[in-house]
Amino acid sequence: MAKVTINGEVFGFDTSRRPMSEALAIENGLHCTYAKWETDMQEGSARALCGFIWLVWRRDGRDVKLADILSGDIDIDLTALEVEPDDGEADPTSLPPEPSDTTVTAT
């Protein structure tokens, strides 16, 4: 489980969980495909990051509207935002590792 710090508050976030309800909510809220959102996250998009923060808060049970984050009604301090993956877990904001030569030929 990754440790995500937003505005000084720490949350646990299971990056291996990807419920369809969240994918659809991201698509509806950001008006893009879920795959585009993932790509935008890897490329450092602030808009995509808003979606990630919203997911973290949503899983924590907070009733925060994505539109309020996007509009700036809810302020996010980027200097106080950190994502620390657990050992063996990919950082949700970085690309997965390239497959090895043996993986490519074996699959």
N, C-alpha and C. Protein backbone atom coordinates (compact mmCIF):
# COMPACT_ATOMS: atom_id res chain seq x y z
N MET A 1 0.84 -1.17 0.00
CA MET A 1 0.00 0.00 0.00
C MET A 1 0.89 1.24 0.00
N ALA A 2 0.61 2.14 -0.93
CA ALA A 2 1.36 3.38 -1.02
C ALA A 2 0.94 4.32 0.10
N LYS A 3 1.84 5.20 0.46
CA LYS A 3 1.55 6.25 1.44
C LYS A 3 1.47 7.57 0.67
N VAL A 4 0.29 8.19 0.72
CA VAL A 4 0.06 9.43 -0.02
C VAL A 4 -0.17 10.56 0.98
N THR A 5 0.62 11.62 0.87
CA THR A 5 0.46 12.78 1.75
C THR A 5 -0.13 13.92 0.93
N ILE A 6 -1.30 14.40 1.38
CA ILE A 6 -2.00 15.50 0.72
C ILE A 6 -2.23 16.60 1.76
N ASN A 7 -1.70 17.78 1.48
CA ASN A 7 -1.84 18.92 2.41
C ASN A 7 -1.43 18.53 3.83
N GLY A 8 -0.38 17.71 3.95
CA GLY A 8 0.14 17.33 5.26
C GLY A 8 -0.55 16.15 5.91
N GLU A 9 -1.62 15.64 5.32
CA GLU A 9 -2.36 14.51 5.87
C GLU A 9 -1.99 13.24 5.11
N VAL A 10 -1.74 12.14 5.83
CA VAL A 10 -1.26 10.90 5.23
C VAL A 10 -2.41 9.92 5.06
N PHE A 11 -2.43 9.28 3.88
CA PHE A 11 -3.45 8.29 3.53
C PHE A 11 -2.78 7.04 2.98
N GLY A 12 -3.38 5.89 3.23
CA GLY A 12 -2.95 4.66 2.58
C GLY A 12 -3.73 4.53 1.28
N PHE A 13 -3.07 4.05 0.23
CA PHE A 13 -3.73 3.90 -1.07
C PHE A 13 -3.21 2.65 -1.75
N ASP A 14 -4.10 1.70 -2.00
CA ASP A 14 -3.75 0.44 -2.65
C ASP A 14 -3.75 0.67 -4.16
N THR A 15 -2.56 0.79 -4.74
CA THR A 15 -2.44 1.06 -6.18
C THR A 15 -2.78 -0.16 -7.03
N SER A 16 -2.86 -1.33 -6.43
CA SER A 16 -3.19 -2.53 -7.20
C SER A 16 -4.70 -2.68 -7.40
N ARG A 17 -5.49 -1.94 -6.64
CA ARG A 17 -6.96 -1.97 -6.76
C ARG A 17 -7.41 -0.99 -7.82
N ARG A 18 -8.21 -1.45 -8.77
CA ARG A 18 -8.72 -0.57 -9.82
C ARG A 18 -10.18 -0.91 -10.12
N PRO A 19 -11.09 -0.50 -9.24
CA PRO A 19 -12.50 -0.80 -9.45
C PRO A 19 -13.06 -0.07 -10.67
N MET A 20 -13.96 -0.74 -11.37
CA MET A 20 -14.61 -0.15 -12.53
C MET A 20 -15.33 1.15 -12.16
N SER A 21 -15.92 1.19 -10.97
CA SER A 21 -16.65 2.40 -10.55
C SER A 21 -15.72 3.61 -10.51
N GLU A 22 -14.48 3.42 -10.09
CA GLU A 22 -13.52 4.53 -10.07
C GLU A 22 -13.10 4.93 -11.48
N ALA A 23 -12.89 3.93 -12.34
CA ALA A 23 -12.51 4.23 -13.72
C ALA A 23 -13.61 5.04 -14.40
N LEU A 24 -14.85 4.64 -14.21
CA LEU A 24 -15.97 5.38 -14.81
C LEU A 24 -16.10 6.78 -14.21
N ALA A 25 -15.87 6.90 -12.91
CA ALA A 25 -15.95 8.21 -12.26
C ALA A 25 -14.85 9.14 -12.79
N ILE A 26 -13.66 8.61 -13.00
CA ILE A 26 -12.56 9.39 -13.57
C ILE A 26 -12.94 9.83 -14.99
N GLU A 27 -13.46 8.91 -15.79
CA GLU A 27 -13.85 9.26 -17.15
C GLU A 27 -14.93 10.34 -17.17
N ASN A 28 -15.92 10.22 -16.31
CA ASN A 28 -16.99 11.20 -16.25
C ASN A 28 -16.50 12.55 -15.73
N GLY A 29 -15.66 12.53 -14.71
CA GLY A 29 -15.21 13.78 -14.09
C GLY A 29 -14.17 14.53 -14.89
N LEU A 30 -13.28 13.79 -15.57
CA LEU A 30 -12.20 14.44 -16.31
C LEU A 30 -12.46 14.49 -17.82
N HIS A 31 -13.53 13.85 -18.26
CA HIS A 31 -13.92 13.85 -19.68
C HIS A 31 -12.80 13.32 -20.57
N CYS A 32 -12.24 12.19 -20.14
CA CYS A 32 -11.23 11.49 -20.92
C CYS A 32 -11.35 10.00 -20.61
N THR A 33 -10.66 9.18 -21.37
CA THR A 33 -10.68 7.75 -21.06
C THR A 33 -9.79 7.48 -19.84
N TYR A 34 -10.05 6.35 -19.20
CA TYR A 34 -9.24 5.96 -18.05
C TYR A 34 -7.79 5.77 -18.48
N ALA A 35 -7.58 5.17 -19.66
CA ALA A 35 -6.22 4.97 -20.17
C ALA A 35 -5.51 6.31 -20.40
N LYS A 36 -6.23 7.29 -20.92
CA LYS A 36 -5.66 8.63 -21.12
C LYS A 36 -5.29 9.25 -19.78
N TRP A 37 -6.15 9.06 -18.77
CA TRP A 37 -5.85 9.57 -17.43
C TRP A 37 -4.56 8.96 -16.89
N GLU A 38 -4.41 7.63 -17.05
CA GLU A 38 -3.19 6.98 -16.58
C GLU A 38 -1.96 7.54 -17.30
N THR A 39 -2.07 7.74 -18.61
CA THR A 39 -0.97 8.31 -19.38
C THR A 39 -0.67 9.73 -18.91
N ASP A 40 -1.73 10.51 -18.71
CA ASP A 40 -1.55 11.89 -18.24
C ASP A 40 -0.89 11.92 -16.87
N MET A 41 -1.22 10.97 -16.01
CA MET A 41 -0.57 10.88 -14.68
C MET A 41 0.93 10.67 -14.86
N GLN A 42 1.30 9.76 -15.74
CA GLN A 42 2.70 9.46 -15.97
C GLN A 42 3.45 10.65 -16.57
N GLU A 43 2.72 11.49 -17.31
CA GLU A 43 3.34 12.65 -17.95
C GLU A 43 3.33 13.89 -17.05
N GLY A 44 2.75 13.77 -15.85
CA GLY A 44 2.79 14.86 -14.89
C GLY A 44 1.66 15.88 -15.02
N SER A 45 0.54 15.50 -15.60
CA SER A 45 -0.59 16.41 -15.76
C SER A 45 -1.18 16.81 -14.41
N ALA A 46 -1.32 18.11 -14.19
CA ALA A 46 -1.94 18.60 -12.95
C ALA A 46 -3.41 18.18 -12.88
N ARG A 47 -4.09 18.19 -14.01
CA ARG A 47 -5.50 17.78 -14.06
C ARG A 47 -5.65 16.31 -13.67
N ALA A 48 -4.77 15.47 -14.20
CA ALA A 48 -4.80 14.04 -13.85
C ALA A 48 -4.48 13.85 -12.37
N LEU A 49 -3.56 14.65 -11.85
CA LEU A 49 -3.21 14.58 -10.44
C LEU A 49 -4.41 14.92 -9.56
N CYS A 50 -5.22 15.87 -10.01
CA CYS A 50 -6.46 16.19 -9.28
C CYS A 50 -7.35 14.95 -9.19
N GLY A 51 -7.43 14.19 -10.27
CA GLY A 51 -8.21 12.96 -10.27
C GLY A 51 -7.66 11.94 -9.29
N PHE A 52 -6.33 11.83 -9.22
CA PHE A 52 -5.70 10.90 -8.28
C PHE A 52 -5.99 11.31 -6.84
N ILE A 53 -5.85 12.59 -6.54
CA ILE A 53 -6.13 13.08 -5.19
C ILE A 53 -7.58 12.80 -4.82
N TRP A 54 -8.47 13.04 -5.76
CA TRP A 54 -9.89 12.77 -5.54
C TRP A 54 -10.12 11.29 -5.23
N LEU A 55 -9.43 10.39 -5.95
CA LEU A 55 -9.57 8.95 -5.68
C LEU A 55 -9.07 8.59 -4.29
N VAL A 56 -7.95 9.17 -3.89
CA VAL A 56 -7.40 8.91 -2.55
C VAL A 56 -8.43 9.32 -1.50
N TRP A 57 -8.96 10.52 -1.64
CA TRP A 57 -9.95 11.00 -0.67
C TRP A 57 -11.23 10.19 -0.72
N ARG A 58 -11.65 9.80 -1.91
CA ARG A 58 -12.88 9.00 -2.07
C ARG A 58 -12.74 7.67 -1.34
N ARG A 59 -11.59 7.01 -1.51
CA ARG A 59 -11.38 5.74 -0.82
C ARG A 59 -11.31 5.92 0.69
N ASP A 60 -10.95 7.10 1.12
CA ASP A 60 -10.91 7.39 2.55
C ASP A 60 -12.30 7.72 3.10
N GLY A 61 -13.31 7.75 2.23
CA GLY A 61 -14.67 8.01 2.66
C GLY A 61 -15.08 9.47 2.65
N ARG A 62 -14.25 10.32 2.06
CA ARG A 62 -14.57 11.75 2.03
C ARG A 62 -15.50 12.06 0.86
N ASP A 63 -16.45 12.90 1.12
CA ASP A 63 -17.42 13.31 0.10
C ASP A 63 -16.96 14.62 -0.52
N VAL A 64 -15.95 14.52 -1.37
CA VAL A 64 -15.36 15.68 -2.03
C VAL A 64 -15.70 15.58 -3.52
N LYS A 65 -16.14 16.68 -4.09
CA LYS A 65 -16.45 16.69 -5.52
C LYS A 65 -15.18 16.96 -6.32
N LEU A 66 -14.98 16.15 -7.35
CA LEU A 66 -13.83 16.34 -8.23
C LEU A 66 -13.85 17.74 -8.83
N ALA A 67 -15.03 18.22 -9.18
CA ALA A 67 -15.15 19.57 -9.75
C ALA A 67 -14.62 20.63 -8.80
N ASP A 68 -14.77 20.42 -7.50
CA ASP A 68 -14.27 21.40 -6.51
C ASP A 68 -12.75 21.41 -6.45
N ILE A 69 -12.13 20.26 -6.72
CA ILE A 69 -10.66 20.20 -6.77
C ILE A 69 -10.19 20.87 -8.06
N LEU A 70 -10.84 20.53 -9.18
CA LEU A 70 -10.46 21.08 -10.48
C LEU A 70 -10.62 22.61 -10.53
N SER A 71 -11.65 23.11 -9.88
CA SER A 71 -11.92 24.55 -9.92
C SER A 71 -11.02 25.35 -8.97
N GLY A 72 -10.39 24.66 -8.03
CA GLY A 72 -9.57 25.34 -7.04
C GLY A 72 -10.34 25.71 -5.78
N ASP A 73 -11.65 25.38 -5.73
CA ASP A 73 -12.42 25.63 -4.51
C ASP A 73 -11.81 24.89 -3.32
N ILE A 74 -11.25 23.71 -3.59
CA ILE A 74 -10.49 22.97 -2.58
C ILE A 74 -9.03 23.11 -2.99
N ASP A 75 -8.26 23.77 -2.15
CA ASP A 75 -6.87 24.06 -2.48
C ASP A 75 -5.97 22.88 -2.14
N ILE A 76 -5.09 22.55 -3.06
CA ILE A 76 -4.10 21.49 -2.86
C ILE A 76 -2.73 22.14 -2.95
N ASP A 77 -1.92 21.95 -1.92
CA ASP A 77 -0.56 22.47 -1.90
C ASP A 77 0.36 21.42 -2.52
N LEU A 78 0.82 21.67 -3.74
CA LEU A 78 1.66 20.69 -4.43
C LEU A 78 2.99 20.46 -3.72
N THR A 79 3.46 21.44 -2.95
CA THR A 79 4.72 21.24 -2.22
C THR A 79 4.53 20.27 -1.05
N ALA A 80 3.28 20.05 -0.64
CA ALA A 80 3.00 19.13 0.47
C ALA A 80 2.39 17.83 -0.03
N LEU A 81 2.55 17.54 -1.34
CA LEU A 81 2.02 16.31 -1.92
C LEU A 81 3.15 15.32 -2.13
N GLU A 82 3.02 14.14 -1.56
CA GLU A 82 4.03 13.09 -1.71
C GLU A 82 3.35 11.75 -1.92
N VAL A 83 3.96 10.92 -2.76
CA VAL A 83 3.49 9.55 -2.95
C VAL A 83 4.69 8.64 -2.73
N GLU A 84 4.59 7.81 -1.69
CA GLU A 84 5.67 6.89 -1.36
C GLU A 84 5.15 5.46 -1.54
N PRO A 85 5.60 4.77 -2.61
CA PRO A 85 5.15 3.39 -2.80
C PRO A 85 5.78 2.47 -1.77
N ASP A 86 5.07 1.40 -1.44
CA ASP A 86 5.64 0.36 -0.58
C ASP A 86 6.67 -0.42 -1.39
N ASP A 87 7.48 -1.21 -0.70
CA ASP A 87 8.45 -2.05 -1.39
C ASP A 87 7.73 -2.96 -2.38
N GLY A 88 8.26 -3.04 -3.59
CA GLY A 88 7.69 -3.91 -4.60
C GLY A 88 6.47 -3.34 -5.29
N GLU A 89 6.10 -2.13 -4.98
CA GLU A 89 4.91 -1.53 -5.56
C GLU A 89 5.31 -0.37 -6.46
N ALA A 90 4.71 -0.28 -7.62
CA ALA A 90 5.03 0.79 -8.55
C ALA A 90 4.43 2.10 -8.06
N ASP A 91 5.17 3.18 -8.29
CA ASP A 91 4.66 4.52 -7.99
C ASP A 91 3.54 4.82 -8.97
N PRO A 92 2.35 5.22 -8.50
CA PRO A 92 1.24 5.42 -9.42
C PRO A 92 1.46 6.56 -10.40
N THR A 93 2.47 7.37 -10.18
CA THR A 93 2.74 8.49 -11.08
C THR A 93 3.90 8.21 -12.03
N SER A 94 4.41 6.98 -12.03
CA SER A 94 5.53 6.67 -12.91
C SER A 94 5.20 5.48 -13.81
N LEU A 95 5.94 5.38 -14.91
CA LEU A 95 5.72 4.30 -15.86
C LEU A 95 6.14 2.96 -15.26
N PRO A 96 5.45 1.88 -15.65
CA PRO A 96 5.90 0.56 -15.20
C PRO A 96 7.21 0.21 -15.89
N PRO A 97 7.98 -0.71 -15.30
CA PRO A 97 9.25 -1.08 -15.93
C PRO A 97 9.02 -1.76 -17.27
N GLU A 98 9.98 -1.61 -18.18
CA GLU A 98 9.90 -2.26 -19.48
C GLU A 98 10.04 -3.78 -19.29
N PRO A 99 9.36 -4.57 -20.13
CA PRO A 99 9.52 -6.02 -20.00
C PRO A 99 10.93 -6.44 -20.36
N SER A 100 11.40 -7.49 -19.71
CA SER A 100 12.75 -7.98 -20.01
C SER A 100 12.69 -8.78 -21.30
N ASP A 101 13.86 -9.08 -21.87
CA ASP A 101 13.91 -9.86 -23.10
C ASP A 101 13.28 -11.23 -22.92
N THR A 102 13.48 -11.83 -21.74
CA THR A 102 12.91 -13.15 -21.50
C THR A 102 11.41 -13.08 -21.33
N THR A 103 10.89 -11.99 -20.80
CA THR A 103 9.45 -11.84 -20.64
C THR A 103 8.78 -11.72 -22.01
N VAL A 104 9.37 -10.93 -22.89
CA VAL A 104 8.80 -10.71 -24.22
C VAL A 104 8.74 -12.01 -25.00
N THR A 105 9.80 -12.81 -24.97
CA THR A 105 9.81 -14.04 -25.74
C THR A 105 8.97 -15.12 -25.09
N ALA A 106 8.81 -15.06 -23.78
CA ALA A 106 8.03 -16.11 -23.09
C ALA A 106 6.54 -15.85 -23.16
N THR A 107 6.14 -14.62 -23.43
CA THR A 107 4.70 -14.31 -23.46
C THR A 107 4.23 -14.14 -24.81
